Structures are given as C-alpha cells and as structure tokens.
Amino acid sequence: MSVWVDIIQSGAGVAAVVIGYIALSHKQRAEAKIIAFRWGSYICAAVIGGASVFEIYKFGTSTDPMTRRDVLWLLLNLWNAIAYIGCGLALALVWRKLDKKAKGASEDRPE
C-alpha cells in the first residue's frame, strides 16, 4: 500500500511543479529553464566525476594483485574524473562570466 502512497505523492509533486511552471511569465520561464539546465549539468558532472574518483579510491585501497585490466580501468577513471570535473568547472566559470556580461549590458540599457 505504501508504494501507491509514494506514487500519488510523487504525482502530486510533479503536478505542483507543472502548475507552478504554467503560472510563470515567459521571461520567468526562460530563466527557470536556464537555471534547471545549469543545475542539471552541474549535478551530472559531479555525479560522474565523483563516481570516477570513488573507483580510483577503490583501486588505491584494493589488496588484490594488480592486473593490466585494473590499470586500464584506473587510467580510464582518471581521464573520466579529470574531464568531467574540469568541464563542470569550466562551464561554471563561463556561465558566471556570461551572467556578469549580461547584467552589465542590461544595466546600461534604459527600460
């Protein structure tokens, strides 16, 4: 029975988000989409990078004998961690710079 309660509560939560989204103006919707996209990108980069770092940690603490396959996976996980964490940080810096530039341009324009 608790599964149905969870499904109903989840459905109600989704419905509340949809109703709230519908109530927004077009400008607020555009801002909400940008924020959701950015946070989704950050979360994905953090999860994938974190999973790779965890695999690197597991390799370092393993007591099993090293094989070529283990070393290959270590190299792949290192590359994955560097790429995803680096891209996540680069996106954050670029978006921050673009936001500052957009705020500066909007302050110069009379409304």
Protein backbone atom coordinates (compact mmCIF):
# COMPACT_ATOMS: atom_id res chain seq x y z
CA MET A 1 0.00 0.00 0.00
CA SER A 2 2.85 2.40 0.74
CA VAL A 3 4.01 2.11 -2.88
CA TRP A 4 0.72 3.61 -4.04
CA VAL A 5 1.05 6.40 -1.49
CA ASP A 6 4.54 7.15 -2.80
CA ILE A 7 3.28 7.16 -6.39
CA ILE A 8 0.43 9.51 -5.51
CA GLN A 9 2.75 11.84 -3.59
CA SER A 10 5.24 11.88 -6.46
CA GLY A 11 2.44 12.60 -8.93
CA ALA A 12 1.21 15.44 -6.74
CA GLY A 13 4.73 16.86 -6.59
CA VAL A 14 5.09 16.73 -10.36
CA ALA A 15 1.66 18.32 -10.77
CA ALA A 16 2.63 21.14 -8.39
CA VAL A 17 5.81 21.83 -10.37
CA VAL A 18 3.88 21.82 -13.67
CA ILE A 19 1.19 24.17 -12.30
CA GLY A 20 3.86 26.48 -10.90
CA TYR A 21 5.67 26.46 -14.25
CA ILE A 22 2.46 27.30 -16.11
CA ALA A 23 1.85 30.25 -13.79
CA LEU A 24 5.20 31.85 -14.66
CA SER A 25 5.57 34.61 -17.21
CA HIS A 26 7.58 33.95 -20.38
CA LYS A 27 10.65 35.73 -19.01
CA GLN A 28 10.47 33.77 -15.75
CA ARG A 29 10.06 30.51 -17.71
CA ALA A 30 13.19 31.25 -19.72
CA GLU A 31 15.12 31.97 -16.53
CA ALA A 32 13.78 28.78 -14.91
CA LYS A 33 14.86 26.72 -17.92
CA ILE A 34 18.36 28.19 -17.80
CA ILE A 35 18.68 27.53 -14.07
CA ALA A 36 17.37 23.95 -14.42
CA PHE A 37 19.74 23.24 -17.32
CA ARG A 38 22.73 24.62 -15.44
CA TRP A 39 21.99 22.73 -12.23
CA GLY A 40 21.38 19.55 -14.22
CA SER A 41 24.76 19.97 -15.90
CA TYR A 42 26.50 20.59 -12.56
CA ILE A 43 24.85 17.59 -10.93
CA CYS A 44 25.67 15.26 -13.82
CA ALA A 45 29.32 16.38 -13.88
CA ALA A 46 29.57 15.98 -10.10
CA VAL A 47 27.98 12.53 -10.07
CA ILE A 48 30.08 11.14 -12.93
CA GLY A 49 33.27 12.77 -11.65
CA GLY A 50 32.52 11.56 -8.12
CA ALA A 51 31.89 8.01 -9.31
CA SER A 52 35.23 8.05 -11.14
CA VAL A 53 37.02 9.38 -8.05
CA PHE A 54 35.39 6.61 -5.98
CA GLU A 55 36.65 3.99 -8.46
CA ILE A 56 40.15 5.49 -8.22
CA TYR A 57 39.89 5.29 -4.42
CA LYS A 58 38.80 1.65 -4.65
CA PHE A 59 41.83 0.90 -6.83
CA GLY A 60 44.14 2.56 -4.32
CA THR A 61 42.75 0.65 -1.35
CA SER A 62 42.46 -2.73 -3.05
CA THR A 63 44.54 -5.58 -1.64
CA ASP A 64 44.12 -7.77 -4.73
CA PRO A 65 47.08 -8.20 -7.08
CA MET A 66 47.18 -5.63 -9.88
CA THR A 67 46.30 -6.76 -13.38
CA ARG A 68 46.55 -4.97 -16.71
CA ARG A 69 42.78 -4.66 -16.75
CA ASP A 70 42.84 -2.89 -13.36
CA VAL A 71 45.47 -0.44 -14.57
CA LEU A 72 43.48 0.23 -17.75
CA TRP A 73 40.35 0.94 -15.68
CA LEU A 74 42.41 3.21 -13.42
CA LEU A 75 43.58 5.22 -16.43
CA LEU A 76 40.06 5.43 -17.83
CA ASN A 77 38.66 6.54 -14.48
CA LEU A 78 41.41 9.14 -14.11
CA TRP A 79 40.60 10.53 -17.54
CA ASN A 80 36.87 10.47 -16.78
CA ALA A 81 37.32 12.29 -13.47
CA ILE A 82 39.56 14.97 -14.95
CA ALA A 83 37.35 15.51 -17.99
CA TYR A 84 34.00 15.71 -16.21
CA ILE A 85 35.16 17.71 -13.20
CA GLY A 86 37.19 20.02 -15.46
CA CYS A 87 34.29 20.57 -17.86
CA GLY A 88 31.91 21.18 -14.96
CA LEU A 89 34.21 23.83 -13.53
CA ALA A 90 34.80 25.39 -16.95
CA LEU A 91 31.06 25.59 -17.60
CA ALA A 92 30.52 27.22 -14.23
CA LEU A 93 33.17 29.85 -14.94
CA VAL A 94 31.92 30.56 -18.48
CA TRP A 95 28.30 30.86 -17.37
CA ARG A 96 29.31 33.14 -14.49
CA LYS A 97 31.21 35.39 -16.90
CA LEU A 98 28.28 35.45 -19.33
CA ASP A 99 25.90 36.35 -16.50
CA LYS A 100 28.11 39.24 -15.42
CA LYS A 101 28.33 40.44 -19.02
CA ALA A 102 24.54 40.21 -19.44
CA LYS A 103 23.91 42.08 -16.18
CA GLY A 104 26.32 44.82 -17.25
CA ALA A 105 24.59 45.15 -20.63
CA SER A 106 21.13 45.27 -19.04
CA GLU A 107 22.21 48.00 -16.59
CA ASP A 108 23.44 50.16 -19.47
CA ARG A 109 20.13 49.94 -21.34
CA PRO A 110 17.27 52.22 -20.28
CA GLU A 111 13.98 50.42 -19.76
